[in-house]
Amino acid sequence: MVEKKKVIEMLPNQMVKSLIGKTIRVEMKGEESDLVGKLEGVDDYMNLFLSNAMEYKNGEKLRNLGNIVLRGNNVILIQPYEV
């Protein structure tokens, strides 16, 4: 018997909104470093508000950024961050 997996369709902004309250990793256009922080909010333009944000390059922590807002059209990738 073959099991069918249930596919849940979700728009990108719904997917990002489901990550609110969780720690995420963000790649930005034109940057070599990644940003990691707790997603506090997102709007319809995919602008992100992160708290306790940190900048990493090649897995090495560069600096603490604190609370930051990232402009949505400069975001390339958003993913849950797992330690």
PDB file of N, CA and C in Angstrom:
ATOM      1  N   MET A   1       0.835  -1.167   0.000  1.00  0.00           N
ATOM      2  CA  MET A   1       0.000   0.000   0.000  1.00  0.00           C
ATOM      3  C   MET A   1       0.895   1.251   0.000  1.00  0.00           C
ATOM      4  N   VAL A   2       0.603   2.173  -0.878  1.00  0.00           N
ATOM      5  CA  VAL A   2       1.378   3.403  -1.005  1.00  0.00           C
ATOM      6  C   VAL A   2       0.695   4.509  -0.205  1.00  0.00           C
ATOM      7  N   GLU A   3       1.479   5.153   0.652  1.00  0.00           N
ATOM      8  CA  GLU A   3       0.931   6.256   1.442  1.00  0.00           C
ATOM      9  C   GLU A   3       1.048   7.546   0.659  1.00  0.00           C
ATOM     10  N   LYS A   4      -0.007   8.322   0.695  1.00  0.00           N
ATOM     11  CA  LYS A   4       0.030   9.626   0.056  1.00  0.00           C
ATOM     12  C   LYS A   4       0.329  10.659   1.123  1.00  0.00           C
ATOM     13  N   LYS A   5       1.286  11.532   0.818  1.00  0.00           N
ATOM     14  CA  LYS A   5       1.622  12.599   1.749  1.00  0.00           C
ATOM     15  C   LYS A   5       0.699  13.778   1.500  1.00  0.00           C
ATOM     16  N   LYS A   6       0.244  14.349   2.578  1.00  0.00           N
ATOM     17  CA  LYS A   6      -0.624  15.508   2.477  1.00  0.00           C
ATOM     18  C   LYS A   6       0.223  16.734   2.144  1.00  0.00           C
ATOM     19  N   VAL A   7      -0.119  17.418   1.080  1.00  0.00           N
ATOM     20  CA  VAL A   7       0.596  18.607   0.661  1.00  0.00           C
ATOM     21  C   VAL A   7      -0.176  19.833   1.147  1.00  0.00           C
ATOM     22  N   ILE A   8       0.514  20.684   1.861  1.00  0.00           N
ATOM     23  CA  ILE A   8      -0.105  21.903   2.356  1.00  0.00           C
ATOM     24  C   ILE A   8       0.385  23.064   1.502  1.00  0.00           C
ATOM     25  N   GLU A   9      -0.553  23.725   0.839  1.00  0.00           N
ATOM     26  CA  GLU A   9      -0.188  24.870   0.027  1.00  0.00           C
ATOM     27  C   GLU A   9      -0.169  26.111   0.908  1.00  0.00           C
ATOM     28  N   MET A  10       0.900  26.895   0.746  1.00  0.00           N
ATOM     29  CA  MET A  10       1.050  28.084   1.569  1.00  0.00           C
ATOM     30  C   MET A  10       1.764  29.148   0.748  1.00  0.00           C
ATOM     31  N   LEU A  11       1.258  30.359   0.771  1.00  0.00           N
ATOM     32  CA  LEU A  11       1.914  31.460   0.094  1.00  0.00           C
ATOM     33  C   LEU A  11       3.185  31.830   0.843  1.00  0.00           C
ATOM     34  N   PRO A  12       4.175  32.399   0.144  1.00  0.00           N
ATOM     35  CA  PRO A  12       5.443  32.729   0.816  1.00  0.00           C
ATOM     36  C   PRO A  12       5.270  33.620   2.043  1.00  0.00           C
ATOM     37  N   ASN A  13       4.414  34.653   1.968  1.00  0.00           N
ATOM     38  CA  ASN A  13       4.270  35.521   3.132  1.00  0.00           C
ATOM     39  C   ASN A  13       3.598  34.793   4.296  1.00  0.00           C
ATOM     40  N   GLN A  14       2.716  33.831   4.016  1.00  0.00           N
ATOM     41  CA  GLN A  14       2.116  33.027   5.085  1.00  0.00           C
ATOM     42  C   GLN A  14       3.178  32.148   5.737  1.00  0.00           C
ATOM     43  N   MET A  15       4.065  31.614   4.919  1.00  0.00           N
ATOM     44  CA  MET A  15       5.135  30.755   5.410  1.00  0.00           C
ATOM     45  C   MET A  15       6.047  31.548   6.341  1.00  0.00           C
ATOM     46  N   VAL A  16       6.412  32.759   5.924  1.00  0.00           N
ATOM     47  CA  VAL A  16       7.287  33.593   6.756  1.00  0.00           C
ATOM     48  C   VAL A  16       6.567  33.990   8.037  1.00  0.00           C
ATOM     49  N   LYS A  17       5.297  34.341   7.942  1.00  0.00           N
ATOM     50  CA  LYS A  17       4.536  34.720   9.140  1.00  0.00           C
ATOM     51  C   LYS A  17       4.438  33.563  10.134  1.00  0.00           C
ATOM     52  N   SER A  18       4.476  32.339   9.632  1.00  0.00           N
ATOM     53  CA  SER A  18       4.427  31.177  10.530  1.00  0.00           C
ATOM     54  C   SER A  18       5.720  31.033  11.339  1.00  0.00           C
ATOM     55  N   LEU A  19       6.771  31.751  10.935  1.00  0.00           N
ATOM     56  CA  LEU A  19       8.057  31.695  11.634  1.00  0.00           C
ATOM     57  C   LEU A  19       8.196  32.768  12.714  1.00  0.00           C
ATOM     58  N   ILE A  20       7.197  33.625  12.864  1.00  0.00           N
ATOM     59  CA  ILE A  20       7.259  34.676  13.885  1.00  0.00           C
ATOM     60  C   ILE A  20       7.414  34.032  15.267  1.00  0.00           C
ATOM     61  N   GLY A  21       8.360  34.561  16.027  1.00  0.00           N
ATOM     62  CA  GLY A  21       8.661  34.021  17.351  1.00  0.00           C
ATOM     63  C   GLY A  21       9.766  32.987  17.335  1.00  0.00           C
ATOM     64  N   LYS A  22      10.220  32.607  16.137  1.00  0.00           N
ATOM     65  CA  LYS A  22      11.278  31.604  16.018  1.00  0.00           C
ATOM     66  C   LYS A  22      12.562  32.249  15.531  1.00  0.00           C
ATOM     67  N   THR A  23      13.676  31.584  15.750  1.00  0.00           N
ATOM     68  CA  THR A  23      14.969  32.071  15.272  1.00  0.00           C
ATOM     69  C   THR A  23      15.135  31.674  13.815  1.00  0.00           C
ATOM     70  N   ILE A  24      15.522  32.657  12.988  1.00  0.00           N
ATOM     71  CA  ILE A  24      15.682  32.407  11.550  1.00  0.00           C
ATOM     72  C   ILE A  24      17.067  32.851  11.087  1.00  0.00           C
ATOM     73  N   ARG A  25      17.446  32.343   9.916  1.00  0.00           N
ATOM     74  CA  ARG A  25      18.678  32.757   9.236  1.00  0.00           C
ATOM     75  C   ARG A  25      18.258  33.457   7.960  1.00  0.00           C
ATOM     76  N   VAL A  26      18.883  34.596   7.671  1.00  0.00           N
ATOM     77  CA  VAL A  26      18.526  35.386   6.497  1.00  0.00           C
ATOM     78  C   VAL A  26      19.770  35.651   5.666  1.00  0.00           C
ATOM     79  N   GLU A  27      19.666  35.414   4.356  1.00  0.00           N
ATOM     80  CA  GLU A  27      20.719  35.802   3.420  1.00  0.00           C
ATOM     81  C   GLU A  27      20.235  37.038   2.691  1.00  0.00           C
ATOM     82  N   MET A  28      21.123  38.026   2.586  1.00  0.00           N
ATOM     83  CA  MET A  28      20.785  39.288   1.944  1.00  0.00           C
ATOM     84  C   MET A  28      21.519  39.419   0.609  1.00  0.00           C
ATOM     85  N   LYS A  29      20.881  40.113  -0.325  1.00  0.00           N
ATOM     86  CA  LYS A  29      21.447  40.362  -1.643  1.00  0.00           C
ATOM     87  C   LYS A  29      22.752  41.149  -1.508  1.00  0.00           C
ATOM     88  N   GLY A  30      23.806  40.692  -2.172  1.00  0.00           N
ATOM     89  CA  GLY A  30      25.075  41.399  -2.194  1.00  0.00           C
ATOM     90  C   GLY A  30      25.908  41.281  -0.932  1.00  0.00           C
ATOM     91  N   GLU A  31      25.525  40.410  -0.013  1.00  0.00           N
ATOM     92  CA  GLU A  31      26.252  40.240   1.244  1.00  0.00           C
ATOM     93  C   GLU A  31      26.834  38.839   1.331  1.00  0.00           C
ATOM     94  N   GLU A  32      28.022  38.734   1.904  1.00  0.00           N
ATOM     95  CA  GLU A  32      28.639  37.427   2.102  1.00  0.00           C
ATOM     96  C   GLU A  32      28.290  36.835   3.458  1.00  0.00           C
ATOM     97  N   SER A  33      27.801  37.671   4.354  1.00  0.00           N
ATOM     98  CA  SER A  33      27.477  37.193   5.697  1.00  0.00           C
ATOM     99  C   SER A  33      25.985  36.881   5.815  1.00  0.00           C
ATOM    100  N   ASP A  34      25.644  36.093   6.831  1.00  0.00           N
ATOM    101  CA  ASP A  34      24.260  35.737   7.132  1.00  0.00           C
ATOM    102  C   ASP A  34      23.841  36.456   8.401  1.00  0.00           C
ATOM    103  N   LEU A  35      22.556  36.690   8.532  1.00  0.00           N
ATOM    104  CA  LEU A  35      22.015  37.294   9.736  1.00  0.00           C
ATOM    105  C   LEU A  35      21.132  36.269  10.434  1.00  0.00           C
ATOM    106  N   VAL A  36      21.281  36.154  11.736  1.00  0.00           N
ATOM    107  CA  VAL A  36      20.491  35.219  12.527  1.00  0.00           C
ATOM    108  C   VAL A  36      19.848  36.006  13.660  1.00  0.00           C
ATOM    109  N   GLY A  37      18.546  35.823  13.836  1.00  0.00           N
ATOM    110  CA  GLY A  37      17.849  36.504  14.916  1.00  0.00           C
ATOM    111  C   GLY A  37      16.436  35.978  15.069  1.00  0.00           C
ATOM    112  N   LYS A  38      15.768  36.431  16.105  1.00  0.00           N
ATOM    113  CA  LYS A  38      14.387  36.023  16.362  1.00  0.00           C
ATOM    114  C   LYS A  38      13.460  36.909  15.535  1.00  0.00           C
ATOM    115  N   LEU A  39      12.622  36.285  14.723  1.00  0.00           N
ATOM    116  CA  LEU A  39      11.681  37.027  13.890  1.00  0.00           C
ATOM    117  C   LEU A  39      10.542  37.542  14.754  1.00  0.00           C
ATOM    118  N   GLU A  40      10.455  38.861  14.854  1.00  0.00           N
ATOM    119  CA  GLU A  40       9.425  39.495  15.678  1.00  0.00           C
ATOM    120  C   GLU A  40       8.230  39.933  14.841  1.00  0.00           C
ATOM    121  N   GLY A  41       8.473  40.224  13.549  1.00  0.00           N
ATOM    122  CA  GLY A  41       7.373  40.678  12.709  1.00  0.00           C
ATOM    123  C   GLY A  41       7.761  40.727  11.249  1.00  0.00           C
ATOM    124  N   VAL A  42       6.742  40.713  10.397  1.00  0.00           N
ATOM    125  CA  VAL A  42       6.924  40.792   8.945  1.00  0.00           C
ATOM    126  C   VAL A  42       5.702  41.495   8.364  1.00  0.00           C
ATOM    127  N   ASP A  43       5.910  42.279   7.293  1.00  0.00           N
ATOM    128  CA  ASP A  43       4.774  42.938   6.661  1.00  0.00           C
ATOM    129  C   ASP A  43       4.535  42.369   5.261  1.00  0.00           C
ATOM    130  N   ASP A  44       3.588  42.953   4.531  1.00  0.00           N
ATOM    131  CA  ASP A  44       3.231  42.443   3.204  1.00  0.00           C
ATOM    132  C   ASP A  44       4.348  42.609   2.180  1.00  0.00           C
ATOM    133  N   TYR A  45       5.325  43.480   2.458  1.00  0.00           N
ATOM    134  CA  TYR A  45       6.470  43.672   1.559  1.00  0.00           C
ATOM    135  C   TYR A  45       7.642  42.778   1.935  1.00  0.00           C
ATOM    136  N   MET A  46       7.428  41.905   2.913  1.00  0.00           N
ATOM    137  CA  MET A  46       8.440  40.974   3.419  1.00  0.00           C
ATOM    138  C   MET A  46       9.579  41.699   4.136  1.00  0.00           C
ATOM    139  N   ASN A  47       9.325  42.931   4.599  1.00  0.00           N
ATOM    140  CA  ASN A  47      10.277  43.579   5.499  1.00  0.00           C
ATOM    141  C   ASN A  47      10.261  42.791   6.799  1.00  0.00           C
ATOM    142  N   LEU A  48      11.429  42.531   7.348  1.00  0.00           N
ATOM    143  CA  LEU A  48      11.548  41.686   8.529  1.00  0.00           C
ATOM    144  C   LEU A  48      12.042  42.487   9.719  1.00  0.00           C
ATOM    145  N   PHE A  49      11.472  42.235  10.875  1.00  0.00           N
ATOM    146  CA  PHE A  49      11.959  42.822  12.126  1.00  0.00           C
ATOM    147  C   PHE A  49      12.536  41.685  12.954  1.00  0.00           C
ATOM    148  N   LEU A  50      13.849  41.751  13.216  1.00  0.00           N
ATOM    149  CA  LEU A  50      14.547  40.729  13.992  1.00  0.00           C
ATOM    150  C   LEU A  50      15.042  41.321  15.303  1.00  0.00           C
ATOM    151  N   SER A  51      14.939  40.547  16.370  1.00  0.00           N
ATOM    152  CA  SER A  51      15.532  40.933  17.645  1.00  0.00           C
ATOM    153  C   SER A  51      16.727  40.026  17.921  1.00  0.00           C
ATOM    154  N   ASN A  52      17.633  40.505  18.746  1.00  0.00           N
ATOM    155  CA  ASN A  52      18.851  39.747  19.087  1.00  0.00           C
ATOM    156  C   ASN A  52      19.586  39.259  17.845  1.00  0.00           C
ATOM    157  N   ALA A  53      19.632  40.096  16.818  1.00  0.00           N
ATOM    158  CA  ALA A  53      20.263  39.709  15.551  1.00  0.00           C
ATOM    159  C   ALA A  53      21.783  39.662  15.690  1.00  0.00           C
ATOM    160  N   MET A  54      22.373  38.688  15.011  1.00  0.00           N
ATOM    161  CA  MET A  54      23.822  38.521  14.976  1.00  0.00           C
ATOM    162  C   MET A  54      24.252  38.306  13.537  1.00  0.00           C
ATOM    163  N   GLU A  55      25.443  38.766  13.213  1.00  0.00           N
ATOM    164  CA  GLU A  55      26.000  38.597  11.870  1.00  0.00           C
ATOM    165  C   GLU A  55      27.037  37.482  11.903  1.00  0.00           C
ATOM    166  N   TYR A  56      26.923  36.557  10.960  1.00  0.00           N
ATOM    167  CA  TYR A  56      27.851  35.422  10.851  1.00  0.00           C
ATOM    168  C   TYR A  56      28.466  35.398   9.458  1.00  0.00           C
ATOM    169  N   LYS A  57      29.718  35.013   9.391  1.00  0.00           N
ATOM    170  CA  LYS A  57      30.386  34.794   8.105  1.00  0.00           C
ATOM    171  C   LYS A  57      31.154  33.492   8.203  1.00  0.00           C
ATOM    172  N   ASN A  58      30.860  32.571   7.293  1.00  0.00           N
ATOM    173  CA  ASN A  58      31.484  31.240   7.293  1.00  0.00           C
ATOM    174  C   ASN A  58      31.322  30.545   8.643  1.00  0.00           C
ATOM    175  N   GLY A  59      30.146  30.719   9.258  1.00  0.00           N
ATOM    176  CA  GLY A  59      29.859  30.072  10.529  1.00  0.00           C
ATOM    177  C   GLY A  59      30.473  30.748  11.742  1.00  0.00           C
ATOM    178  N   GLU A  60      31.235  31.821  11.527  1.00  0.00           N
ATOM    179  CA  GLU A  60      31.888  32.528  12.632  1.00  0.00           C
ATOM    180  C   GLU A  60      31.118  33.813  12.951  1.00  0.00           C
ATOM    181  N   LYS A  61      30.827  34.006  14.223  1.00  0.00           N
ATOM    182  CA  LYS A  61      30.082  35.186  14.656  1.00  0.00           C
ATOM    183  C   LYS A  61      30.958  36.430  14.520  1.00  0.00           C
ATOM    184  N   LEU A  62      30.437  37.430  13.800  1.00  0.00           N
ATOM    185  CA  LEU A  62      31.190  38.665  13.603  1.00  0.00           C
ATOM    186  C   LEU A  62      30.807  39.732  14.625  1.00  0.00           C
ATOM    187  N   ARG A  63      29.490  39.944  14.796  1.00  0.00           N
ATOM    188  CA  ARG A  63      29.053  40.987  15.723  1.00  0.00           C
ATOM    189  C   ARG A  63      27.579  40.840  16.073  1.00  0.00           C
ATOM    190  N   ASN A  64      27.212  41.439  17.206  1.00  0.00           N
ATOM    191  CA  ASN A  64      25.814  41.528  17.616  1.00  0.00           C
ATOM    192  C   ASN A  64      25.222  42.789  17.006  1.00  0.00           C
ATOM    193  N   LEU A  65      24.023  42.681  16.459  1.00  0.00           N
ATOM    194  CA  LEU A  65      23.370  43.831  15.847  1.00  0.00           C
ATOM    195  C   LEU A  65      22.175  44.320  16.650  1.00  0.00           C
ATOM    196  N   GLY A  66      21.669  43.496  17.558  1.00  0.00           N
ATOM    197  CA  GLY A  66      20.497  43.881  18.347  1.00  0.00           C
ATOM    198  C   GLY A  66      19.221  43.807  17.537  1.00  0.00           C
ATOM    199  N   ASN A  67      18.364  44.824  17.666  1.00  0.00           N
ATOM    200  CA  ASN A  67      17.105  44.870  16.911  1.00  0.00           C
ATOM    201  C   ASN A  67      17.343  45.522  15.558  1.00  0.00           C
ATOM    202  N   ILE A  68      16.917  44.846  14.495  1.00  0.00           N
ATOM    203  CA  ILE A  68      17.124  45.382  13.143  1.00  0.00           C
ATOM    204  C   ILE A  68      15.876  45.180  12.291  1.00  0.00           C
ATOM    205  N   VAL A  69      15.751  46.006  11.257  1.00  0.00           N
ATOM    206  CA  VAL A  69      14.710  45.859  10.239  1.00  0.00           C
ATOM    207  C   VAL A  69      15.415  45.631   8.919  1.00  0.00           C
ATOM    208  N   LEU A  70      15.011  44.586   8.206  1.00  0.00           N
ATOM    209  CA  LEU A  70      15.592  44.243   6.911  1.00  0.00           C
ATOM    210  C   LEU A  70      14.576  44.532   5.818  1.00  0.00           C
ATOM    211  N   ARG A  71      15.002  45.235   4.791  1.00  0.00           N
ATOM    212  CA  ARG A  71      14.113  45.563   3.684  1.00  0.00           C
ATOM    213  C   ARG A  71      13.856  44.310   2.847  1.00  0.00           C
ATOM    214  N   GLY A  72      12.595  44.038   2.608  1.00  0.00           N
ATOM    215  CA  GLY A  72      12.183  42.795   1.962  1.00  0.00           C
ATOM    216  C   GLY A  72      12.775  42.538   0.593  1.00  0.00           C
ATOM    217  N   ASN A  73      12.947  43.596  -0.233  1.00  0.00           N
ATOM    218  CA  ASN A  73      13.437  43.334  -1.591  1.00  0.00           C
ATOM    219  C   ASN A  73      14.933  43.030  -1.623  1.00  0.00           C
ATOM    220  N   ASN A  74      15.619  43.104  -0.474  1.00  0.00           N
ATOM    221  CA  ASN A  74      17.028  42.724  -0.402  1.00  0.00           C
ATOM    222  C   ASN A  74      17.235  41.341   0.197  1.00  0.00           C
ATOM    223  N   VAL A  75      16.150  40.690   0.580  1.00  0.00           N
ATOM    224  CA  VAL A  75      16.233  39.358   1.193  1.00  0.00           C
ATOM    225  C   VAL A  75      16.237  38.297   0.099  1.00  0.00           C
ATOM    226  N   ILE A  76      17.207  37.397   0.166  1.00  0.00           N
ATOM    227  CA  ILE A  76      17.301  36.291  -0.801  1.00  0.00           C
ATOM    228  C   ILE A  76      16.717  35.009  -0.225  1.00  0.00           C
ATOM    229  N   LEU A  77      17.014  34.736   1.050  1.00  0.00           N
ATOM    230  CA  LEU A  77      16.626  33.471   1.667  1.00  0.00           C
ATOM    231  C   LEU A  77      16.248  33.682   3.122  1.00  0.00           C
ATOM    232  N   ILE A  78      15.163  33.034   3.518  1.00  0.00           N
ATOM    233  CA  ILE A  78      14.740  33.020   4.924  1.00  0.00           C
ATOM    234  C   ILE A  78      14.517  31.555   5.287  1.00  0.00           C
ATOM    235  N   GLN A  79      15.162  31.111   6.373  1.00  0.00           N
ATOM    236  CA  GLN A  79      14.963  29.732   6.797  1.00  0.00           C
ATOM    237  C   GLN A  79      15.067  29.620   8.312  1.00  0.00           C
ATOM    238  N   PRO A  80      14.376  28.637   8.873  1.00  0.00           N
ATOM    239  CA  PRO A  80      14.503  28.413  10.322  1.00  0.00           C
ATOM    240  C   PRO A  80      15.974  28.134  10.650  1.00  0.00           C
ATOM    241  N   TYR A  81      16.427  28.624  11.774  1.00  0.00           N
ATOM    242  CA  TYR A  81      17.814  28.432  12.180  1.00  0.00           C
ATOM    243  C   TYR A  81      17.874  27.372  13.254  1.00  0.00           C
ATOM    244  N   GLU A  82      18.691  26.377  13.001  1.00  0.00           N
ATOM    245  CA  GLU A  82      18.884  25.302  13.962  1.00  0.00           C
ATOM    246  C   GLU A  82      20.331  25.305  14.409  1.00  0.00           C
ATOM    247  N   VAL A  83      20.520  25.294  15.714  1.00  0.00           N
ATOM    248  CA  VAL A  83      21.865  25.363  16.289  1.00  0.00           C
ATOM    249  C   VAL A  83      22.584  24.062  16.073  1.00  0.00           C
TER     250      VAL A  83
END
